[in-house]
């Protein structure tokens, strides 16, 4: 757990350094051409929390892969990111569940991410290191596509 804390601390510092070097004008912010997904406030908060959890899970998978713990990386990918991870918000009130409020294309990107994580997990759990490494970038491809295309504010 300490290792994860160090990673979060380093990441936070890196983001602060990076952000402090940027000069974002009001006009630049106005040029955001991503599609807006209008979700209830509670669903936005659930989605934000889920995205932060996903970043931590991806970091955990990368750390496990880097230390040669391929099967463990597969377990984490499936449990926290894969198809098995779907339905985390099922017990929340309807307005707090992001999925039902997302546009279909946005939701499809999320589903693609879950499927890609499961495909990676299958290879990693089988000990297929080279195949898992080949599939590893797919863990973030759907994330990138969604964040590049959609916004909630």
N, C-alpha and C. Protein backbone atom coordinates (compact mmCIF):
# COMPACT_ATOMS: atom_id res chain seq x y z
N UNK A 1 0.83 -1.20 0.00
CA UNK A 1 0.00 0.00 0.00
C UNK A 1 0.87 1.25 0.00
N UNK A 2 1.99 1.20 0.71
CA UNK A 2 2.89 2.34 0.75
C UNK A 2 3.36 2.69 -0.66
N UNK A 3 3.66 1.66 -1.46
CA UNK A 3 4.11 1.88 -2.83
C UNK A 3 3.07 2.65 -3.64
N UNK A 4 1.80 2.30 -3.46
CA UNK A 4 0.72 2.98 -4.16
C UNK A 4 0.63 4.44 -3.71
N UNK A 5 0.82 4.69 -2.41
CA UNK A 5 0.79 6.06 -1.90
C UNK A 5 1.91 6.89 -2.52
N UNK A 6 3.09 6.31 -2.61
CA UNK A 6 4.21 7.02 -3.22
C UNK A 6 3.88 7.35 -4.67
N UNK A 7 3.29 6.41 -5.39
CA UNK A 7 2.92 6.67 -6.79
C UNK A 7 1.92 7.80 -6.91
N UNK A 8 0.91 7.81 -6.02
CA UNK A 8 -0.10 8.87 -6.07
C UNK A 8 0.54 10.22 -5.74
N UNK A 9 1.43 10.23 -4.76
CA UNK A 9 2.09 11.47 -4.37
C UNK A 9 2.95 11.99 -5.51
N UNK A 10 3.72 11.11 -6.12
CA UNK A 10 4.57 11.51 -7.24
C UNK A 10 3.73 12.00 -8.41
N UNK A 11 2.66 11.28 -8.69
CA UNK A 11 1.78 11.67 -9.78
C UNK A 11 1.16 13.04 -9.52
N UNK A 12 0.73 13.28 -8.30
CA UNK A 12 0.14 14.58 -7.96
C UNK A 12 1.16 15.70 -8.13
N UNK A 13 2.38 15.46 -7.69
CA UNK A 13 3.43 16.48 -7.85
C UNK A 13 3.74 16.73 -9.32
N UNK A 14 3.82 15.66 -10.09
CA UNK A 14 4.08 15.80 -11.52
C UNK A 14 2.98 16.61 -12.19
N UNK A 15 1.73 16.33 -11.84
CA UNK A 15 0.60 17.07 -12.42
C UNK A 15 0.67 18.55 -12.04
N UNK A 16 1.04 18.84 -10.79
CA UNK A 16 1.15 20.24 -10.37
C UNK A 16 2.24 20.96 -11.14
N UNK A 17 3.38 20.30 -11.32
CA UNK A 17 4.48 20.90 -12.06
C UNK A 17 4.05 21.14 -13.51
N UNK A 18 3.42 20.14 -14.10
CA UNK A 18 2.97 20.26 -15.48
C UNK A 18 1.95 21.37 -15.61
N UNK A 19 0.96 21.39 -14.72
CA UNK A 19 -0.11 22.39 -14.80
C UNK A 19 0.42 23.80 -14.57
N UNK A 20 1.40 23.94 -13.68
CA UNK A 20 1.92 25.28 -13.40
C UNK A 20 2.66 25.85 -14.60
N UNK A 21 3.12 24.99 -15.50
CA UNK A 21 3.82 25.46 -16.68
C UNK A 21 2.90 25.81 -17.83
N UNK A 22 1.64 25.52 -17.70
CA UNK A 22 0.68 25.80 -18.78
C UNK A 22 0.02 27.16 -18.59
N UNK A 23 -0.20 27.81 -19.68
CA UNK A 23 -0.96 29.05 -19.66
C UNK A 23 -2.21 28.81 -20.49
N UNK A 24 -3.30 28.51 -19.81
CA UNK A 24 -4.54 28.23 -20.52
C UNK A 24 -5.42 29.47 -20.47
N UNK A 25 -5.69 30.00 -21.62
CA UNK A 25 -6.53 31.19 -21.68
C UNK A 25 -7.99 30.80 -21.65
N UNK A 26 -8.83 31.75 -21.34
CA UNK A 26 -10.28 31.52 -21.36
C UNK A 26 -10.72 31.11 -22.75
N UNK A 27 -10.11 31.70 -23.78
CA UNK A 27 -10.46 31.37 -25.16
C UNK A 27 -10.12 29.91 -25.47
N UNK A 28 -8.97 29.44 -24.97
CA UNK A 28 -8.58 28.05 -25.21
C UNK A 28 -9.57 27.10 -24.57
N UNK A 29 -10.04 27.42 -23.39
CA UNK A 29 -11.02 26.58 -22.72
C UNK A 29 -12.34 26.58 -23.48
N UNK A 30 -12.69 27.70 -24.07
CA UNK A 30 -13.94 27.81 -24.83
C UNK A 30 -13.89 26.97 -26.10
N UNK A 31 -12.70 26.60 -26.55
CA UNK A 31 -12.55 25.85 -27.79
C UNK A 31 -12.69 24.35 -27.61
N UNK A 32 -13.09 23.91 -26.45
CA UNK A 32 -13.27 22.49 -26.20
C UNK A 32 -14.39 21.98 -27.10
N UNK A 33 -14.03 21.17 -28.07
CA UNK A 33 -14.99 20.71 -29.06
C UNK A 33 -15.55 19.32 -28.75
N UNK A 34 -15.19 18.77 -27.59
CA UNK A 34 -15.74 17.47 -27.24
C UNK A 34 -17.25 17.57 -27.04
N UNK A 35 -17.93 16.46 -27.29
CA UNK A 35 -19.37 16.42 -27.09
C UNK A 35 -19.67 16.45 -25.60
N UNK A 36 -20.73 17.12 -25.24
CA UNK A 36 -21.11 17.18 -23.84
C UNK A 36 -22.15 16.12 -23.53
N UNK A 37 -21.84 15.32 -22.53
CA UNK A 37 -22.78 14.32 -22.03
C UNK A 37 -23.42 14.90 -20.78
N UNK A 38 -24.69 15.14 -20.84
CA UNK A 38 -25.40 15.73 -19.71
C UNK A 38 -25.87 14.61 -18.79
N UNK A 39 -25.24 14.52 -17.63
CA UNK A 39 -25.58 13.52 -16.62
C UNK A 39 -26.04 14.24 -15.37
N UNK A 40 -26.93 13.65 -14.59
CA UNK A 40 -27.29 14.25 -13.30
C UNK A 40 -26.03 14.41 -12.43
N UNK A 41 -26.03 15.37 -11.56
CA UNK A 41 -24.86 15.65 -10.72
C UNK A 41 -24.38 14.42 -9.98
N UNK A 42 -25.29 13.64 -9.44
CA UNK A 42 -24.89 12.44 -8.69
C UNK A 42 -24.22 11.42 -9.62
N UNK A 43 -24.69 11.30 -10.84
CA UNK A 43 -24.08 10.37 -11.81
C UNK A 43 -22.70 10.87 -12.23
N UNK A 44 -22.56 12.19 -12.39
CA UNK A 44 -21.26 12.77 -12.70
C UNK A 44 -20.25 12.44 -11.61
N UNK A 45 -20.67 12.57 -10.36
CA UNK A 45 -19.78 12.28 -9.23
C UNK A 45 -19.42 10.80 -9.19
N UNK A 46 -20.36 9.93 -9.43
CA UNK A 46 -20.08 8.49 -9.46
C UNK A 46 -19.10 8.17 -10.59
N UNK A 47 -19.31 8.78 -11.74
CA UNK A 47 -18.44 8.56 -12.89
C UNK A 47 -17.03 9.06 -12.59
N UNK A 48 -16.93 10.24 -12.01
CA UNK A 48 -15.62 10.79 -11.65
C UNK A 48 -14.89 9.86 -10.70
N UNK A 49 -15.58 9.39 -9.69
CA UNK A 49 -14.99 8.48 -8.70
C UNK A 49 -14.53 7.18 -9.38
N UNK A 50 -15.35 6.68 -10.29
CA UNK A 50 -15.01 5.46 -11.01
C UNK A 50 -13.79 5.66 -11.89
N UNK A 51 -13.68 6.82 -12.54
CA UNK A 51 -12.53 7.10 -13.40
C UNK A 51 -11.24 7.18 -12.58
N UNK A 52 -11.31 7.79 -11.41
CA UNK A 52 -10.13 7.86 -10.53
C UNK A 52 -9.73 6.45 -10.09
N UNK A 53 -10.71 5.64 -9.73
CA UNK A 53 -10.43 4.25 -9.36
C UNK A 53 -9.81 3.49 -10.53
N UNK A 54 -10.29 3.75 -11.74
CA UNK A 54 -9.73 3.10 -12.93
C UNK A 54 -8.28 3.49 -13.15
N UNK A 55 -7.95 4.76 -12.93
CA UNK A 55 -6.56 5.19 -13.06
C UNK A 55 -5.67 4.45 -12.07
N UNK A 56 -6.13 4.31 -10.85
CA UNK A 56 -5.36 3.57 -9.85
C UNK A 56 -5.20 2.11 -10.26
N UNK A 57 -6.25 1.52 -10.80
CA UNK A 57 -6.18 0.12 -11.24
C UNK A 57 -5.21 -0.04 -12.40
N UNK A 58 -5.24 0.88 -13.35
CA UNK A 58 -4.30 0.81 -14.48
C UNK A 58 -2.86 0.93 -13.96
N UNK A 59 -2.65 1.83 -13.02
CA UNK A 59 -1.32 1.97 -12.44
C UNK A 59 -0.89 0.69 -11.74
N UNK A 60 -1.81 0.04 -11.05
CA UNK A 60 -1.51 -1.22 -10.38
C UNK A 60 -1.16 -2.31 -11.41
N UNK A 61 -1.91 -2.39 -12.49
CA UNK A 61 -1.62 -3.36 -13.55
C UNK A 61 -0.24 -3.11 -14.13
N UNK A 62 0.07 -1.86 -14.43
CA UNK A 62 1.38 -1.53 -14.99
C UNK A 62 2.52 -1.89 -14.04
N UNK A 63 2.33 -1.61 -12.77
CA UNK A 63 3.34 -1.94 -11.76
C UNK A 63 3.55 -3.44 -11.68
N UNK A 64 2.47 -4.19 -11.68
CA UNK A 64 2.58 -5.65 -11.62
C UNK A 64 3.27 -6.19 -12.88
N UNK A 65 2.92 -5.67 -14.03
CA UNK A 65 3.58 -6.11 -15.27
C UNK A 65 5.07 -5.79 -15.23
N UNK A 66 5.42 -4.61 -14.76
CA UNK A 66 6.82 -4.19 -14.71
C UNK A 66 7.65 -5.04 -13.75
N UNK A 67 7.00 -5.61 -12.76
CA UNK A 67 7.72 -6.44 -11.79
C UNK A 67 7.58 -7.93 -12.09
N UNK A 68 7.06 -8.25 -13.29
CA UNK A 68 6.98 -9.64 -13.72
C UNK A 68 5.83 -10.44 -13.13
N UNK A 69 4.90 -9.78 -12.50
CA UNK A 69 3.76 -10.46 -11.88
C UNK A 69 2.58 -10.44 -12.87
N UNK A 70 2.76 -11.20 -13.93
CA UNK A 70 1.83 -11.17 -15.07
C UNK A 70 0.44 -11.67 -14.67
N UNK A 71 0.39 -12.81 -14.02
CA UNK A 71 -0.91 -13.38 -13.65
C UNK A 71 -1.66 -12.47 -12.68
N UNK A 72 -0.92 -11.88 -11.73
CA UNK A 72 -1.54 -10.95 -10.78
C UNK A 72 -2.09 -9.72 -11.50
N UNK A 73 -1.36 -9.25 -12.52
CA UNK A 73 -1.82 -8.11 -13.32
C UNK A 73 -3.14 -8.47 -14.01
N UNK A 74 -3.24 -9.69 -14.49
CA UNK A 74 -4.48 -10.15 -15.11
C UNK A 74 -5.63 -10.19 -14.13
N UNK A 75 -5.34 -10.65 -12.92
CA UNK A 75 -6.38 -10.69 -11.89
C UNK A 75 -6.92 -9.29 -11.58
N UNK A 76 -6.01 -8.34 -11.42
CA UNK A 76 -6.42 -6.96 -11.12
C UNK A 76 -7.19 -6.37 -12.29
N UNK A 77 -6.70 -6.60 -13.50
CA UNK A 77 -7.37 -6.05 -14.68
C UNK A 77 -8.80 -6.55 -14.78
N UNK A 78 -8.99 -7.84 -14.56
CA UNK A 78 -10.35 -8.38 -14.68
C UNK A 78 -11.24 -7.89 -13.54
N UNK A 79 -10.74 -7.96 -12.34
CA UNK A 79 -11.54 -7.60 -11.17
C UNK A 79 -11.93 -6.12 -11.14
N UNK A 80 -10.98 -5.26 -11.50
CA UNK A 80 -11.21 -3.82 -11.36
C UNK A 80 -11.58 -3.09 -12.65
N UNK A 81 -11.24 -3.68 -13.80
CA UNK A 81 -11.47 -3.00 -15.08
C UNK A 81 -12.26 -3.81 -16.10
N UNK A 82 -12.22 -5.10 -15.99
CA UNK A 82 -12.81 -5.98 -16.99
C UNK A 82 -14.32 -6.06 -16.94
N UNK A 83 -14.85 -6.98 -17.71
CA UNK A 83 -16.29 -7.19 -17.76
C UNK A 83 -16.82 -7.52 -16.37
N UNK A 84 -16.01 -8.20 -15.57
CA UNK A 84 -16.41 -8.52 -14.19
C UNK A 84 -16.63 -7.28 -13.33
N UNK A 85 -16.03 -6.17 -13.72
CA UNK A 85 -16.15 -4.94 -12.94
C UNK A 85 -17.42 -4.15 -13.25
N UNK A 86 -18.14 -4.56 -14.28
CA UNK A 86 -19.36 -3.84 -14.64
C UNK A 86 -20.41 -3.97 -13.54
N UNK A 87 -21.24 -2.98 -13.43
CA UNK A 87 -22.33 -3.02 -12.47
C UNK A 87 -21.96 -2.52 -11.09
N UNK A 88 -20.82 -1.84 -10.95
CA UNK A 88 -20.40 -1.31 -9.65
C UNK A 88 -21.43 -0.36 -9.06
N UNK A 89 -22.14 0.33 -9.92
CA UNK A 89 -23.08 1.36 -9.46
C UNK A 89 -24.52 0.87 -9.42
N UNK A 90 -24.72 -0.40 -9.65
CA UNK A 90 -26.06 -0.97 -9.75
C UNK A 90 -26.92 -0.71 -8.50
N UNK A 91 -26.30 -0.68 -7.34
CA UNK A 91 -27.05 -0.51 -6.09
C UNK A 91 -27.33 0.96 -5.76
N UNK A 92 -26.78 1.88 -6.54
CA UNK A 92 -26.99 3.30 -6.29
C UNK A 92 -28.36 3.74 -6.80
N UNK A 93 -28.86 4.85 -6.29
CA UNK A 93 -30.11 5.40 -6.84
C UNK A 93 -29.93 5.68 -8.34
N UNK A 94 -31.01 5.64 -9.09
CA UNK A 94 -30.94 5.79 -10.54
C UNK A 94 -30.16 7.04 -10.96
N UNK A 95 -30.40 8.18 -10.30
CA UNK A 95 -29.72 9.43 -10.67
C UNK A 95 -28.22 9.40 -10.39
N UNK A 96 -27.75 8.44 -9.62
CA UNK A 96 -26.32 8.34 -9.31
C UNK A 96 -25.61 7.30 -10.18
N UNK A 97 -26.35 6.64 -11.04
CA UNK A 97 -25.78 5.62 -11.92
C UNK A 97 -25.43 6.25 -13.27
N UNK A 98 -24.15 6.32 -13.62
CA UNK A 98 -23.76 6.98 -14.88
C UNK A 98 -24.26 6.28 -16.13
N UNK A 99 -24.18 4.97 -16.19
CA UNK A 99 -24.48 4.23 -17.41
C UNK A 99 -25.79 4.57 -18.07
N UNK A 100 -26.91 4.56 -17.34
CA UNK A 100 -28.20 4.83 -17.98
C UNK A 100 -28.34 6.25 -18.54
N UNK A 101 -27.48 7.17 -18.10
CA UNK A 101 -27.59 8.56 -18.53
C UNK A 101 -26.60 8.92 -19.65
N UNK A 102 -25.70 7.99 -19.98
CA UNK A 102 -24.70 8.27 -21.00
C UNK A 102 -25.29 8.15 -22.40
N UNK A 103 -24.82 8.99 -23.32
CA UNK A 103 -25.18 8.78 -24.72
C UNK A 103 -24.67 7.40 -25.15
N UNK A 104 -25.35 6.80 -26.11
CA UNK A 104 -25.02 5.43 -26.54
C UNK A 104 -23.57 5.28 -26.99
N UNK A 105 -23.04 6.24 -27.72
CA UNK A 105 -21.66 6.15 -28.21
C UNK A 105 -20.66 6.22 -27.05
N UNK A 106 -20.95 7.04 -26.08
CA UNK A 106 -20.08 7.15 -24.90
C UNK A 106 -20.11 5.83 -24.12
N UNK A 107 -21.30 5.30 -23.93
CA UNK A 107 -21.46 4.04 -23.21
C UNK A 107 -20.73 2.91 -23.94
N UNK A 108 -20.80 2.91 -25.26
CA UNK A 108 -20.12 1.88 -26.06
C UNK A 108 -18.61 1.92 -25.86
N UNK A 109 -18.05 3.11 -25.75
CA UNK A 109 -16.62 3.23 -25.48
C UNK A 109 -16.27 2.61 -24.13
N UNK A 110 -17.11 2.84 -23.14
CA UNK A 110 -16.89 2.22 -21.83
C UNK A 110 -16.93 0.71 -21.91
N UNK A 111 -17.89 0.20 -22.65
CA UNK A 111 -18.00 -1.26 -22.83
C UNK A 111 -16.76 -1.80 -23.54
N UNK A 112 -16.28 -1.07 -24.53
CA UNK A 112 -15.05 -1.48 -25.23
C UNK A 112 -13.88 -1.58 -24.26
N UNK A 113 -13.81 -0.63 -23.32
CA UNK A 113 -12.74 -0.65 -22.32
C UNK A 113 -12.82 -1.88 -21.43
N UNK A 114 -14.03 -2.21 -20.97
CA UNK A 114 -14.20 -3.41 -20.14
C UNK A 114 -13.79 -4.67 -20.91
N UNK A 115 -14.19 -4.75 -22.18
CA UNK A 115 -13.86 -5.92 -23.00
C UNK A 115 -12.35 -6.02 -23.23
N UNK A 116 -11.70 -4.88 -23.49
CA UNK A 116 -10.25 -4.87 -23.71
C UNK A 116 -9.51 -5.32 -22.44
N UNK A 117 -9.98 -4.87 -21.28
CA UNK A 117 -9.36 -5.27 -20.02
C UNK A 117 -9.51 -6.78 -19.81
N UNK A 118 -10.67 -7.32 -20.15
CA UNK A 118 -10.88 -8.76 -20.00
C UNK A 118 -10.02 -9.56 -20.97
N UNK A 119 -9.85 -9.06 -22.18
CA UNK A 119 -9.00 -9.74 -23.15
C UNK A 119 -7.55 -9.77 -22.66
N UNK A 120 -7.08 -8.62 -22.15
CA UNK A 120 -5.73 -8.56 -21.57
C UNK A 120 -5.64 -9.53 -20.39
N UNK A 121 -6.64 -9.50 -19.52
CA UNK A 121 -6.64 -10.34 -18.32
C UNK A 121 -6.55 -11.81 -18.67
N UNK A 122 -7.26 -12.22 -19.71
CA UNK A 122 -7.25 -13.63 -20.12
C UNK A 122 -5.83 -14.06 -20.50
N UNK A 123 -5.16 -13.24 -21.29
CA UNK A 123 -3.79 -13.56 -21.71
C UNK A 123 -2.84 -13.53 -20.51
N UNK A 124 -2.96 -12.52 -19.67
CA UNK A 124 -2.06 -12.40 -18.52
C UNK A 124 -2.27 -13.55 -17.54
N UNK A 125 -3.51 -13.88 -17.26
CA UNK A 125 -3.79 -14.98 -16.34
C UNK A 125 -3.27 -16.31 -16.86
N UNK A 126 -3.21 -16.46 -18.17
CA UNK A 126 -2.69 -17.68 -18.78
C UNK A 126 -1.16 -17.67 -18.81
N UNK A 127 -0.56 -16.59 -18.35
CA UNK A 127 0.90 -16.49 -18.34
C UNK A 127 1.50 -16.16 -19.70
N UNK A 128 0.67 -15.69 -20.62
CA UNK A 128 1.12 -15.34 -21.97
C UNK A 128 1.68 -13.91 -21.95
N UNK A 129 2.89 -13.78 -21.44
CA UNK A 129 3.51 -12.47 -21.22
C UNK A 129 3.54 -11.61 -22.49
N UNK A 130 4.04 -12.17 -23.59
CA UNK A 130 4.17 -11.38 -24.81
C UNK A 130 2.82 -10.93 -25.35
N UNK A 131 1.85 -11.83 -25.32
CA UNK A 131 0.49 -11.45 -25.77
C UNK A 131 -0.09 -10.38 -24.85
N UNK A 132 0.09 -10.56 -23.54
CA UNK A 132 -0.41 -9.56 -22.57
C UNK A 132 0.23 -8.20 -22.84
N UNK A 133 1.53 -8.18 -23.09
CA UNK A 133 2.20 -6.91 -23.39
C UNK A 133 1.65 -6.27 -24.66
N UNK A 134 1.35 -7.09 -25.65
CA UNK A 134 0.77 -6.57 -26.90
C UNK A 134 -0.61 -5.97 -26.65
N UNK A 135 -1.37 -6.58 -25.74
CA UNK A 135 -2.73 -6.12 -25.45
C UNK A 135 -2.78 -4.99 -24.43
N UNK A 136 -1.68 -4.76 -23.73
CA UNK A 136 -1.65 -3.76 -22.65
C UNK A 136 -2.10 -2.37 -23.10
N UNK A 137 -1.67 -1.84 -24.24
CA UNK A 137 -2.14 -0.51 -24.64
C UNK A 137 -3.66 -0.41 -24.81
N UNK A 138 -4.30 -1.54 -25.08
CA UNK A 138 -5.75 -1.52 -25.25
C UNK A 138 -6.47 -1.16 -23.95
N UNK A 139 -5.80 -1.33 -22.81
CA UNK A 139 -6.42 -0.96 -21.53
C UNK A 139 -6.75 0.52 -21.47
N UNK A 140 -5.97 1.32 -22.15
CA UNK A 140 -6.21 2.76 -22.10
C UNK A 140 -6.79 3.33 -23.39
N UNK A 141 -6.84 2.55 -24.46
CA UNK A 141 -7.34 3.08 -25.73
C UNK A 141 -8.77 3.58 -25.64
N UNK A 142 -9.64 2.81 -25.01
CA UNK A 142 -11.03 3.26 -24.86
C UNK A 142 -11.11 4.49 -23.95
N UNK A 143 -10.27 4.51 -22.92
CA UNK A 143 -10.23 5.68 -22.02
C UNK A 143 -9.86 6.94 -22.81
N UNK A 144 -8.81 6.82 -23.60
CA UNK A 144 -8.35 7.96 -24.40
C UNK A 144 -9.44 8.38 -25.38
N UNK A 145 -10.03 7.43 -26.06
CA UNK A 145 -11.07 7.75 -27.04
C UNK A 145 -12.24 8.46 -26.38
N UNK A 146 -12.65 7.98 -25.22
CA UNK A 146 -13.80 8.58 -24.54
C UNK A 146 -13.46 9.98 -24.04
N UNK A 147 -12.34 10.13 -23.36
CA UNK A 147 -11.97 11.45 -22.82
C UNK A 147 -11.67 12.45 -23.93
N UNK A 148 -11.22 11.96 -25.07
CA UNK A 148 -10.96 12.82 -26.21
C UNK A 148 -12.25 13.29 -26.87
N UNK A 149 -13.30 12.47 -26.77
CA UNK A 149 -14.56 12.74 -27.47
C UNK A 149 -15.64 13.35 -26.59
N UNK A 150 -15.62 13.07 -25.29
CA UNK A 150 -16.73 13.43 -24.41
C UNK A 150 -16.28 14.23 -23.21
N UNK A 151 -17.20 15.01 -22.69
CA UNK A 151 -17.00 15.74 -21.43
C UNK A 151 -18.33 15.79 -20.71
N UNK A 152 -18.26 16.01 -19.41
CA UNK A 152 -19.52 16.11 -18.63
C UNK A 152 -19.75 17.52 -18.14
N UNK A 153 -18.77 18.40 -18.33
CA UNK A 153 -18.94 19.80 -17.94
C UNK A 153 -18.39 20.70 -19.03
